[in-house]
Amino acid sequence: MNKKILYSIALGIAVSAATAVAEEAAVPSVYDKIWGATQFIDNDDSKVIQSLAFTGRLQGDAVSFRSEDDSYDDFDWRRFRMGFKAQFFNHFIIHAEMDGDMNDVDEDDWDEFYGRLTDSYIGWNPSKAAKIKIGKQSAGFTLD
């Protein structure tokens, strides 16, 4: 085969793959719709508040073992965090998130439920190359 044919085939494959990816990205998945429900405001054209979102995570551990002699079932909440994150005046971010304990919580006892603030800061992003945060903030990575 000569080089023109090989280049034509490669170009055809690349264009068809790019078209398939573009079509797939245009249709939001069920998960995109679920995660999008936590975004209360999302308006880049607004002069004051560009975004307001509910943030958090809930992780659980479940175990179930069965045998002829014995069985064991257990469920624990590993991590529960919730908070809000807002972007305003195009360059500022406010983020507050708390850690809660979902295990052994009574309805009337806030002290057992509330663990700590994991994030509580104001950030300023004057450009894509510079970010400044003041307040309590978590590291951008964990060992989990």
C-alpha atoms as a PDB file:
ATOM      1  CA  MET A   1       0.000   0.000   0.000  1.00  0.00           C
ATOM      2  CA  ASN A   2       1.234   3.437  -0.671  1.00  0.00           C
ATOM      3  CA  LYS A   3       1.437   6.225   1.890  1.00  0.00           C
ATOM      4  CA  LYS A   4      -1.590   8.143   0.546  1.00  0.00           C
ATOM      5  CA  ILE A   5      -3.888   5.195   1.161  1.00  0.00           C
ATOM      6  CA  LEU A   6      -2.493   4.607   4.663  1.00  0.00           C
ATOM      7  CA  TYR A   7      -2.864   8.291   5.553  1.00  0.00           C
ATOM      8  CA  SER A   8      -6.416   8.311   4.170  1.00  0.00           C
ATOM      9  CA  ILE A   9      -7.362   5.261   6.241  1.00  0.00           C
ATOM     10  CA  ALA A  10      -5.793   6.742   9.389  1.00  0.00           C
ATOM     11  CA  LEU A  11      -7.565  10.061   8.821  1.00  0.00           C
ATOM     12  CA  GLY A  12     -10.893   8.294   8.255  1.00  0.00           C
ATOM     13  CA  ILE A  13     -10.542   6.319  11.492  1.00  0.00           C
ATOM     14  CA  ALA A  14      -9.593   9.454  13.453  1.00  0.00           C
ATOM     15  CA  VAL A  15     -12.540  11.460  12.093  1.00  0.00           C
ATOM     16  CA  SER A  16     -15.048   8.674  12.754  1.00  0.00           C
ATOM     17  CA  ALA A  17     -13.724   8.176  16.297  1.00  0.00           C
ATOM     18  CA  ALA A  18     -13.919  11.916  17.004  1.00  0.00           C
ATOM     19  CA  THR A  19     -17.478  12.037  15.668  1.00  0.00           C
ATOM     20  CA  ALA A  20     -18.515   9.104  17.862  1.00  0.00           C
ATOM     21  CA  VAL A  21     -17.007  10.728  20.959  1.00  0.00           C
ATOM     22  CA  ALA A  22     -18.701  14.066  20.178  1.00  0.00           C
ATOM     23  CA  GLU A  23     -22.096  12.390  19.742  1.00  0.00           C
ATOM     24  CA  GLU A  24     -21.656  10.436  22.970  1.00  0.00           C
ATOM     25  CA  ALA A  25     -20.730  13.568  24.934  1.00  0.00           C
ATOM     26  CA  ALA A  26     -23.784  15.462  23.641  1.00  0.00           C
ATOM     27  CA  VAL A  27     -26.252  13.110  25.364  1.00  0.00           C
ATOM     28  CA  PRO A  28     -26.048  13.420  29.172  1.00  0.00           C
ATOM     29  CA  SER A  29     -26.044  10.137  31.032  1.00  0.00           C
ATOM     30  CA  VAL A  30     -28.304   9.281  33.955  1.00  0.00           C
ATOM     31  CA  TYR A  31     -25.379   9.917  36.304  1.00  0.00           C
ATOM     32  CA  ASP A  32     -24.796  13.376  34.806  1.00  0.00           C
ATOM     33  CA  LYS A  33     -28.445  14.196  35.522  1.00  0.00           C
ATOM     34  CA  ILE A  34     -28.166  12.946  39.122  1.00  0.00           C
ATOM     35  CA  TRP A  35     -24.943  14.852  39.849  1.00  0.00           C
ATOM     36  CA  GLY A  36     -26.373  17.919  38.107  1.00  0.00           C
ATOM     37  CA  ALA A  37     -29.238  18.029  40.623  1.00  0.00           C
ATOM     38  CA  THR A  38     -26.775  19.243  43.270  1.00  0.00           C
ATOM     39  CA  GLN A  39     -25.933  22.335  41.193  1.00  0.00           C
ATOM     40  CA  PHE A  40     -28.465  24.978  42.278  1.00  0.00           C
ATOM     41  CA  ILE A  41     -27.001  27.881  40.286  1.00  0.00           C
ATOM     42  CA  ASP A  42     -24.828  27.556  37.176  1.00  0.00           C
ATOM     43  CA  ASN A  43     -24.742  30.812  35.230  1.00  0.00           C
ATOM     44  CA  ASP A  44     -21.396  32.090  33.909  1.00  0.00           C
ATOM     45  CA  ASP A  45     -23.086  35.274  32.628  1.00  0.00           C
ATOM     46  CA  SER A  46     -24.255  36.357  36.089  1.00  0.00           C
ATOM     47  CA  LYS A  47     -22.399  39.316  37.568  1.00  0.00           C
ATOM     48  CA  VAL A  48     -22.713  38.251  41.234  1.00  0.00           C
ATOM     49  CA  ILE A  49     -23.161  34.489  41.756  1.00  0.00           C
ATOM     50  CA  GLN A  50     -21.936  32.210  38.975  1.00  0.00           C
ATOM     51  CA  SER A  51     -22.447  28.891  40.772  1.00  0.00           C
ATOM     52  CA  LEU A  52     -23.854  27.426  43.958  1.00  0.00           C
ATOM     53  CA  ALA A  53     -23.611  23.697  44.572  1.00  0.00           C
ATOM     54  CA  PHE A  54     -24.237  21.188  47.329  1.00  0.00           C
ATOM     55  CA  THR A  55     -21.050  19.200  47.927  1.00  0.00           C
ATOM     56  CA  GLY A  56     -20.262  16.069  49.851  1.00  0.00           C
ATOM     57  CA  ARG A  57     -19.813  12.363  49.845  1.00  0.00           C
ATOM     58  CA  LEU A  58     -21.236   9.338  51.582  1.00  0.00           C
ATOM     59  CA  GLN A  59     -19.255   6.121  51.752  1.00  0.00           C
ATOM     60  CA  GLY A  60     -20.370   2.908  53.373  1.00  0.00           C
ATOM     61  CA  ASP A  61     -18.854  -0.505  54.044  1.00  0.00           C
ATOM     62  CA  ALA A  62     -20.954  -3.649  54.018  1.00  0.00           C
ATOM     63  CA  VAL A  63     -19.933  -7.208  54.757  1.00  0.00           C
ATOM     64  CA  SER A  64     -21.871 -10.445  54.657  1.00  0.00           C
ATOM     65  CA  PHE A  65     -20.474 -13.928  55.232  1.00  0.00           C
ATOM     66  CA  ARG A  66     -22.495 -17.124  55.283  1.00  0.00           C
ATOM     67  CA  SER A  67     -21.429 -20.639  56.131  1.00  0.00           C
ATOM     68  CA  GLU A  68     -23.122 -23.757  57.394  1.00  0.00           C
ATOM     69  CA  ASP A  69     -22.085 -23.033  60.981  1.00  0.00           C
ATOM     70  CA  ASP A  70     -22.143 -19.272  61.267  1.00  0.00           C
ATOM     71  CA  SER A  71     -23.027 -16.048  59.515  1.00  0.00           C
ATOM     72  CA  TYR A  72     -21.992 -12.433  59.887  1.00  0.00           C
ATOM     73  CA  ASP A  73     -23.545  -9.232  58.539  1.00  0.00           C
ATOM     74  CA  ASP A  74     -22.424  -5.702  59.252  1.00  0.00           C
ATOM     75  CA  PHE A  75     -22.704  -2.235  57.756  1.00  0.00           C
ATOM     76  CA  ASP A  76     -20.822   0.925  58.732  1.00  0.00           C
ATOM     77  CA  TRP A  77     -20.783   4.413  57.331  1.00  0.00           C
ATOM     78  CA  ARG A  78     -17.138   5.175  56.577  1.00  0.00           C
ATOM     79  CA  ARG A  79     -17.456   8.806  55.695  1.00  0.00           C
ATOM     80  CA  PHE A  80     -20.178  11.425  55.499  1.00  0.00           C
ATOM     81  CA  ARG A  81     -19.395  14.952  54.392  1.00  0.00           C
ATOM     82  CA  MET A  82     -21.691  17.717  53.269  1.00  0.00           C
ATOM     83  CA  GLY A  83     -21.430  21.392  52.500  1.00  0.00           C
ATOM     84  CA  PHE A  84     -21.746  24.106  49.888  1.00  0.00           C
ATOM     85  CA  LYS A  85     -19.453  25.684  47.339  1.00  0.00           C
ATOM     86  CA  ALA A  86     -20.168  29.000  45.626  1.00  0.00           C
ATOM     87  CA  GLN A  87     -18.374  31.055  42.998  1.00  0.00           C
ATOM     88  CA  PHE A  88     -19.117  34.763  42.935  1.00  0.00           C
ATOM     89  CA  PHE A  89     -17.842  37.902  41.203  1.00  0.00           C
ATOM     90  CA  ASN A  90     -16.116  35.581  38.681  1.00  0.00           C
ATOM     91  CA  HIS A  91     -12.962  35.152  40.771  1.00  0.00           C
ATOM     92  CA  PHE A  92     -13.991  34.305  44.350  1.00  0.00           C
ATOM     93  CA  ILE A  93     -14.974  30.952  45.869  1.00  0.00           C
ATOM     94  CA  ILE A  94     -16.520  30.178  49.236  1.00  0.00           C
ATOM     95  CA  HIS A  95     -16.427  26.555  50.322  1.00  0.00           C
ATOM     96  CA  ALA A  96     -17.625  25.075  53.619  1.00  0.00           C
ATOM     97  CA  GLU A  97     -17.872  21.348  54.281  1.00  0.00           C
ATOM     98  CA  MET A  98     -18.359  19.364  57.485  1.00  0.00           C
ATOM     99  CA  ASP A  99     -17.610  15.803  58.500  1.00  0.00           C
ATOM    100  CA  GLY A 100     -20.426  13.863  60.148  1.00  0.00           C
ATOM    101  CA  ASP A 101     -20.653  10.495  61.885  1.00  0.00           C
ATOM    102  CA  MET A 102     -23.639   8.489  60.660  1.00  0.00           C
ATOM    103  CA  ASN A 103     -22.922   5.549  63.008  1.00  0.00           C
ATOM    104  CA  ASP A 104     -24.683   5.468  66.395  1.00  0.00           C
ATOM    105  CA  VAL A 105     -26.385   8.833  65.996  1.00  0.00           C
ATOM    106  CA  ASP A 106     -29.426   9.783  68.021  1.00  0.00           C
ATOM    107  CA  GLU A 107     -31.908  12.222  66.541  1.00  0.00           C
ATOM    108  CA  ASP A 108     -31.508  14.710  69.405  1.00  0.00           C
ATOM    109  CA  ASP A 109     -27.717  14.658  69.783  1.00  0.00           C
ATOM    110  CA  TRP A 110     -25.940  17.011  67.361  1.00  0.00           C
ATOM    111  CA  ASP A 111     -22.597  16.577  69.176  1.00  0.00           C
ATOM    112  CA  GLU A 112     -22.396  12.891  68.242  1.00  0.00           C
ATOM    113  CA  PHE A 113     -23.227  13.626  64.606  1.00  0.00           C
ATOM    114  CA  TYR A 114     -21.000  16.661  63.992  1.00  0.00           C
ATOM    115  CA  GLY A 115     -17.341  15.734  63.650  1.00  0.00           C
ATOM    116  CA  ARG A 116     -15.424  18.753  62.347  1.00  0.00           C
ATOM    117  CA  LEU A 117     -15.105  21.236  59.528  1.00  0.00           C
ATOM    118  CA  THR A 118     -13.031  19.682  56.774  1.00  0.00           C
ATOM    119  CA  ASP A 119     -13.054  22.813  54.610  1.00  0.00           C
ATOM    120  CA  SER A 120     -14.009  26.390  55.352  1.00  0.00           C
ATOM    121  CA  TYR A 121     -12.256  28.903  53.146  1.00  0.00           C
ATOM    122  CA  ILE A 122     -12.504  31.834  50.790  1.00  0.00           C
ATOM    123  CA  GLY A 123     -10.538  31.543  47.581  1.00  0.00           C
ATOM    124  CA  TRP A 124      -9.479  34.066  44.984  1.00  0.00           C
ATOM    125  CA  ASN A 125      -8.604  32.995  41.440  1.00  0.00           C
ATOM    126  CA  PRO A 126      -7.346  36.100  39.619  1.00  0.00           C
ATOM    127  CA  SER A 127      -6.188  33.915  36.702  1.00  0.00           C
ATOM    128  CA  LYS A 128      -5.859  30.265  35.726  1.00  0.00           C
ATOM    129  CA  ALA A 129      -2.231  30.345  36.863  1.00  0.00           C
ATOM    130  CA  ALA A 130      -2.844  31.784  40.353  1.00  0.00           C
ATOM    131  CA  LYS A 131      -5.093  30.649  43.201  1.00  0.00           C
ATOM    132  CA  ILE A 132      -5.124  31.932  46.773  1.00  0.00           C
ATOM    133  CA  LYS A 133      -7.117  30.316  49.593  1.00  0.00           C
ATOM    134  CA  ILE A 134      -7.552  31.658  53.115  1.00  0.00           C
ATOM    135  CA  GLY A 135      -9.022  29.413  55.789  1.00  0.00           C
ATOM    136  CA  LYS A 136      -9.186  25.708  56.552  1.00  0.00           C
ATOM    137  CA  GLN A 137      -8.645  23.528  53.509  1.00  0.00           C
ATOM    138  CA  SER A 138      -7.988  19.873  52.867  1.00  0.00           C
ATOM    139  CA  ALA A 139      -5.071  18.583  50.876  1.00  0.00           C
ATOM    140  CA  GLY A 140      -5.826  17.896  47.229  1.00  0.00           C
ATOM    141  CA  PHE A 141      -5.091  14.192  47.726  1.00  0.00           C
ATOM    142  CA  THR A 142      -5.552  11.463  50.337  1.00  0.00           C
ATOM    143  CA  LEU A 143      -4.147   8.057  51.129  1.00  0.00           C
ATOM    144  CA  ASP A 144      -7.562   6.352  50.725  1.00  0.00           C
END
